[in-house]
Structures are given as C-alpha cells and as structure tokens.
Amino acid sequence: MTEIVDLMTVTHKALRVLAEDSVRRHGLHLGQNLVLAALWEQEGRTPGELAALLNVTTPTVVKMATRMTAAGLLTRQRDEHDQRLVRLYLTDKGRALQGPLTADRQELERQITEGLTREELKQLSSTLAKVLANARHHGSGKTTATDEH
C-alpha cells in the first residue's frame, strides 16, 4: 500500500502552494528564498556550493542566481584567488528580505502545525528528517532547473 507516499505527495503539493504564495509576496520564486537563506548564513558561496547545500543541481542555482541578480538581490563576483570561480553576494535589497521572509516562514509553520503538541512537533521533525535521509540515500535527491519556476 502506498498510503504514506500518497499522503506525503498530497501534503507536499498543498505546502508548495502556501510556500509559493508566501515568497511571491516578496517578488521571489520558490527556491530563491533558500538561496537567500544560505547567503544570509554565509555570503560568497559559489553556485556549486549552494547546489550541494540545497540538494539541487548547479544549473538550477545558476538560473536562480541570474534571475535574482536581475531583480537586484545578488551580485556575482569573481573569486580573488581563482578567477574561474564566481561567488554570490547579497545586495542591500537581498539582505532587507531576511526579516520579512523569516517572519512569513514562521507564520506559515505556525499555521500548518496548528493543534500539534510540542512533543508531536518534535516527533514530526525527527520523522521527516529520517524520511528525507532515506529518500536521499535511495535516489539522487537532486532537482533540476524545471523545479524552479
């Protein structure tokens, strides 16, 4: 029986709609928020480093970075030690989204976990982490540029 897979698929689709609405309010496409979050944590990452961190392909990150640069959220700079590498840095506009995006994500999480106890939240987080690890172990786990709209 595929009850869990079906439930997770339907849940993913419902969450994706909510998450897309949330990031669109800030002029972003879903996934770009993850690039921003990674750069808020550490600027100057390469597209390859971001791809590995976000479990997507490098061309997906390059496509997102191109759009985000055009939107004034990022800049690209050559690495000073290895001119073959491009590093991504936030603009003031990209940095300014940290507070509003974080607040929206926290509100979304509050809404979708409404009614769950602290113990249930802890268990849900642990269980989802195990399912994700298993999925990555049994598949490539990488998405393609078509996943970023």
C-alpha atoms as a PDB file:
ATOM      1  CA  MET A   1       0.000   0.000   0.000  1.00  0.00           C
ATOM      2  CA  THR A   2       1.246   3.496  -0.818  1.00  0.00           C
ATOM      3  CA  GLU A   3      -0.744   5.405   1.783  1.00  0.00           C
ATOM      4  CA  ILE A   4       2.274   7.225   3.235  1.00  0.00           C
ATOM      5  CA  VAL A   5       3.718   8.115  -0.173  1.00  0.00           C
ATOM      6  CA  ASP A   6       0.318   9.364  -1.353  1.00  0.00           C
ATOM      7  CA  LEU A   7      -0.235  11.383   1.829  1.00  0.00           C
ATOM      8  CA  MET A   8       3.236  12.903   1.599  1.00  0.00           C
ATOM      9  CA  THR A   9       2.718  13.752  -2.081  1.00  0.00           C
ATOM     10  CA  VAL A  10      -0.593  15.493  -1.435  1.00  0.00           C
ATOM     11  CA  THR A  11       0.863  17.251   1.617  1.00  0.00           C
ATOM     12  CA  HIS A  12       3.850  18.428  -0.417  1.00  0.00           C
ATOM     13  CA  LYS A  13       1.570  19.871  -3.093  1.00  0.00           C
ATOM     14  CA  ALA A  14      -0.555  21.714  -0.528  1.00  0.00           C
ATOM     15  CA  LEU A  15       2.531  23.075   1.248  1.00  0.00           C
ATOM     16  CA  ARG A  16       4.091  24.133  -2.043  1.00  0.00           C
ATOM     17  CA  VAL A  17       1.043  26.269  -2.880  1.00  0.00           C
ATOM     18  CA  LEU A  18       1.245  28.000   0.508  1.00  0.00           C
ATOM     19  CA  ALA A  19       5.026  28.458   0.272  1.00  0.00           C
ATOM     20  CA  GLU A  20       4.800  29.850  -3.272  1.00  0.00           C
ATOM     21  CA  ASP A  21       2.191  32.380  -2.159  1.00  0.00           C
ATOM     22  CA  SER A  22       4.408  33.362   0.764  1.00  0.00           C
ATOM     23  CA  VAL A  23       7.539  34.061  -1.299  1.00  0.00           C
ATOM     24  CA  ARG A  24       5.659  35.689  -4.174  1.00  0.00           C
ATOM     25  CA  ARG A  25       4.569  38.448  -1.799  1.00  0.00           C
ATOM     26  CA  HIS A  26       8.261  39.397  -1.762  1.00  0.00           C
ATOM     27  CA  GLY A  27       8.750  39.131  -5.515  1.00  0.00           C
ATOM     28  CA  LEU A  28      10.506  35.771  -5.317  1.00  0.00           C
ATOM     29  CA  HIS A  29      10.087  32.349  -6.855  1.00  0.00           C
ATOM     30  CA  LEU A  30      10.026  29.328  -4.584  1.00  0.00           C
ATOM     31  CA  GLY A  31      13.592  28.129  -4.020  1.00  0.00           C
ATOM     32  CA  GLN A  32      15.064  31.605  -4.236  1.00  0.00           C
ATOM     33  CA  ASN A  33      14.224  32.006  -0.563  1.00  0.00           C
ATOM     34  CA  LEU A  34      16.552  29.073   0.150  1.00  0.00           C
ATOM     35  CA  VAL A  35      19.386  30.712  -1.786  1.00  0.00           C
ATOM     36  CA  LEU A  36      18.852  33.893   0.201  1.00  0.00           C
ATOM     37  CA  ALA A  37      18.787  31.973   3.489  1.00  0.00           C
ATOM     38  CA  ALA A  38      22.058  30.227   2.635  1.00  0.00           C
ATOM     39  CA  LEU A  39      23.661  33.569   1.785  1.00  0.00           C
ATOM     40  CA  TRP A  40      22.289  35.221   4.930  1.00  0.00           C
ATOM     41  CA  GLU A  41      24.144  32.488   6.771  1.00  0.00           C
ATOM     42  CA  GLN A  42      27.346  32.866   4.712  1.00  0.00           C
ATOM     43  CA  GLU A  43      27.858  35.192   1.770  1.00  0.00           C
ATOM     44  CA  GLY A  44      30.319  34.485  -1.002  1.00  0.00           C
ATOM     45  CA  ARG A  45      29.280  30.916  -1.712  1.00  0.00           C
ATOM     46  CA  THR A  46      29.706  29.569  -5.224  1.00  0.00           C
ATOM     47  CA  PRO A  47      26.746  28.194  -7.202  1.00  0.00           C
ATOM     48  CA  GLY A  48      28.248  24.707  -6.775  1.00  0.00           C
ATOM     49  CA  GLU A  49      28.479  25.122  -3.004  1.00  0.00           C
ATOM     50  CA  LEU A  50      24.877  26.325  -2.879  1.00  0.00           C
ATOM     51  CA  ALA A  51      23.732  23.448  -5.081  1.00  0.00           C
ATOM     52  CA  ALA A  52      25.309  20.903  -2.744  1.00  0.00           C
ATOM     53  CA  LEU A  53      23.854  22.629   0.308  1.00  0.00           C
ATOM     54  CA  LEU A  54      20.354  22.888  -1.181  1.00  0.00           C
ATOM     55  CA  ASN A  55      20.437  19.446  -2.804  1.00  0.00           C
ATOM     56  CA  VAL A  56      19.778  20.777  -6.310  1.00  0.00           C
ATOM     57  CA  THR A  57      21.849  20.882  -9.470  1.00  0.00           C
ATOM     58  CA  THR A  58      24.361  23.649 -10.145  1.00  0.00           C
ATOM     59  CA  PRO A  59      22.443  24.769 -13.277  1.00  0.00           C
ATOM     60  CA  THR A  60      19.378  25.268 -11.056  1.00  0.00           C
ATOM     61  CA  VAL A  61      21.350  27.617  -8.803  1.00  0.00           C
ATOM     62  CA  VAL A  62      22.869  29.430 -11.796  1.00  0.00           C
ATOM     63  CA  LYS A  63      19.377  30.004 -13.237  1.00  0.00           C
ATOM     64  CA  MET A  64      18.092  31.280  -9.892  1.00  0.00           C
ATOM     65  CA  ALA A  65      21.154  33.493  -9.403  1.00  0.00           C
ATOM     66  CA  THR A  66      20.664  35.019 -12.858  1.00  0.00           C
ATOM     67  CA  ARG A  67      17.069  35.925 -12.022  1.00  0.00           C
ATOM     68  CA  MET A  68      18.000  37.160  -8.572  1.00  0.00           C
ATOM     69  CA  THR A  69      20.825  39.308  -9.949  1.00  0.00           C
ATOM     70  CA  ALA A  70      18.419  40.856 -12.465  1.00  0.00           C
ATOM     71  CA  ALA A  71      15.998  41.545  -9.586  1.00  0.00           C
ATOM     72  CA  GLY A  72      18.739  43.341  -7.664  1.00  0.00           C
ATOM     73  CA  LEU A  73      19.018  40.772  -4.865  1.00  0.00           C
ATOM     74  CA  LEU A  74      22.502  39.393  -5.616  1.00  0.00           C
ATOM     75  CA  THR A  75      25.782  40.323  -7.204  1.00  0.00           C
ATOM     76  CA  ARG A  76      28.299  37.978  -8.795  1.00  0.00           C
ATOM     77  CA  GLN A  77      31.988  38.465  -8.198  1.00  0.00           C
ATOM     78  CA  ARG A  78      34.997  36.515  -9.406  1.00  0.00           C
ATOM     79  CA  ASP A  79      36.941  34.777  -6.676  1.00  0.00           C
ATOM     80  CA  GLU A  80      40.094  36.789  -5.985  1.00  0.00           C
ATOM     81  CA  HIS A  81      42.257  33.639  -5.746  1.00  0.00           C
ATOM     82  CA  ASP A  82      40.683  31.560  -8.521  1.00  0.00           C
ATOM     83  CA  GLN A  83      39.231  33.624 -11.358  1.00  0.00           C
ATOM     84  CA  ARG A  84      37.352  30.572 -12.659  1.00  0.00           C
ATOM     85  CA  LEU A  85      35.044  30.696  -9.637  1.00  0.00           C
ATOM     86  CA  VAL A  86      32.094  33.039  -9.258  1.00  0.00           C
ATOM     87  CA  ARG A  87      30.881  33.903  -5.783  1.00  0.00           C
ATOM     88  CA  LEU A  88      27.444  35.224  -4.895  1.00  0.00           C
ATOM     89  CA  TYR A  89      26.884  38.146  -2.553  1.00  0.00           C
ATOM     90  CA  LEU A  90      23.727  39.800  -1.281  1.00  0.00           C
ATOM     91  CA  THR A  91      22.766  43.338  -2.143  1.00  0.00           C
ATOM     92  CA  ASP A  92      21.117  45.597   0.426  1.00  0.00           C
ATOM     93  CA  LYS A  93      17.794  44.623  -1.141  1.00  0.00           C
ATOM     94  CA  GLY A  94      18.583  40.926  -0.642  1.00  0.00           C
ATOM     95  CA  ARG A  95      19.638  41.499   2.966  1.00  0.00           C
ATOM     96  CA  ALA A  96      16.477  43.512   3.671  1.00  0.00           C
ATOM     97  CA  LEU A  97      14.279  40.499   2.886  1.00  0.00           C
ATOM     98  CA  GLN A  98      15.670  38.451   5.782  1.00  0.00           C
ATOM     99  CA  GLY A  99      13.286  39.787   8.430  1.00  0.00           C
ATOM    100  CA  PRO A 100      10.088  39.719   6.367  1.00  0.00           C
ATOM    101  CA  LEU A 101      10.785  36.313   4.785  1.00  0.00           C
ATOM    102  CA  THR A 102      11.728  34.742   8.108  1.00  0.00           C
ATOM    103  CA  ALA A 103       8.567  36.118   9.716  1.00  0.00           C
ATOM    104  CA  ASP A 104       6.420  34.756   6.874  1.00  0.00           C
ATOM    105  CA  ARG A 105       8.040  31.303   7.107  1.00  0.00           C
ATOM    106  CA  GLN A 106       7.489  31.227  10.867  1.00  0.00           C
ATOM    107  CA  GLU A 107       3.835  32.172  10.399  1.00  0.00           C
ATOM    108  CA  LEU A 108       3.396  29.515   7.714  1.00  0.00           C
ATOM    109  CA  GLU A 109       4.927  26.902  10.004  1.00  0.00           C
ATOM    110  CA  ARG A 110       2.635  28.011  12.826  1.00  0.00           C
ATOM    111  CA  GLN A 111      -0.411  27.696  10.563  1.00  0.00           C
ATOM    112  CA  ILE A 112       0.396  24.233   9.225  1.00  0.00           C
ATOM    113  CA  THR A 113       1.297  22.802  12.624  1.00  0.00           C
ATOM    114  CA  GLU A 114      -1.663  24.311  14.430  1.00  0.00           C
ATOM    115  CA  GLY A 115      -3.013  21.958  17.071  1.00  0.00           C
ATOM    116  CA  LEU A 116       0.140  19.858  17.352  1.00  0.00           C
ATOM    117  CA  THR A 117       1.708  19.489  20.758  1.00  0.00           C
ATOM    118  CA  ARG A 118       5.353  20.283  21.395  1.00  0.00           C
ATOM    119  CA  GLU A 119       6.081  16.534  21.543  1.00  0.00           C
ATOM    120  CA  GLU A 120       4.233  15.933  18.248  1.00  0.00           C
ATOM    121  CA  LEU A 121       6.232  18.736  16.605  1.00  0.00           C
ATOM    122  CA  LYS A 122       9.470  17.221  17.858  1.00  0.00           C
ATOM    123  CA  GLN A 123       8.443  13.775  16.595  1.00  0.00           C
ATOM    124  CA  LEU A 124       7.295  15.167  13.240  1.00  0.00           C
ATOM    125  CA  SER A 125      10.608  16.932  12.731  1.00  0.00           C
ATOM    126  CA  SER A 126      12.573  13.814  13.629  1.00  0.00           C
ATOM    127  CA  THR A 127      10.442  11.571  11.427  1.00  0.00           C
ATOM    128  CA  LEU A 128      10.625  13.880   8.416  1.00  0.00           C
ATOM    129  CA  ALA A 129      14.412  14.123   8.779  1.00  0.00           C
ATOM    130  CA  LYS A 130      14.634  10.310   8.689  1.00  0.00           C
ATOM    131  CA  VAL A 131      12.333  10.083   5.654  1.00  0.00           C
ATOM    132  CA  LEU A 132      14.401  12.728   3.854  1.00  0.00           C
ATOM    133  CA  ALA A 133      17.639  10.890   4.655  1.00  0.00           C
ATOM    134  CA  ASN A 134      16.153   7.661   3.316  1.00  0.00           C
ATOM    135  CA  ALA A 135      14.910   9.366   0.154  1.00  0.00           C
ATOM    136  CA  ARG A 136      18.342  10.885  -0.457  1.00  0.00           C
ATOM    137  CA  HIS A 137      20.019   7.545   0.175  1.00  0.00           C
ATOM    138  CA  HIS A 138      17.817   5.719  -2.340  1.00  0.00           C
ATOM    139  CA  GLY A 139      17.779   8.379  -5.061  1.00  0.00           C
ATOM    140  CA  SER A 140      19.870  11.136  -6.493  1.00  0.00           C
ATOM    141  CA  GLY A 141      17.946  13.619  -4.351  1.00  0.00           C
ATOM    142  CA  LYS A 142      18.734  16.432  -6.767  1.00  0.00           C
ATOM    143  CA  THR A 143      16.160  18.541  -8.530  1.00  0.00           C
ATOM    144  CA  THR A 144      16.529  20.162 -11.914  1.00  0.00           C
ATOM    145  CA  ALA A 145      16.067  23.657 -13.254  1.00  0.00           C
ATOM    146  CA  THR A 146      12.464  22.807 -14.163  1.00  0.00           C
ATOM    147  CA  ASP A 147      11.682  22.693 -10.448  1.00  0.00           C
ATOM    148  CA  GLU A 148      12.454  26.401 -10.148  1.00  0.00           C
ATOM    149  CA  HIS A 149       9.702  28.430 -11.790  1.00  0.00           C
END
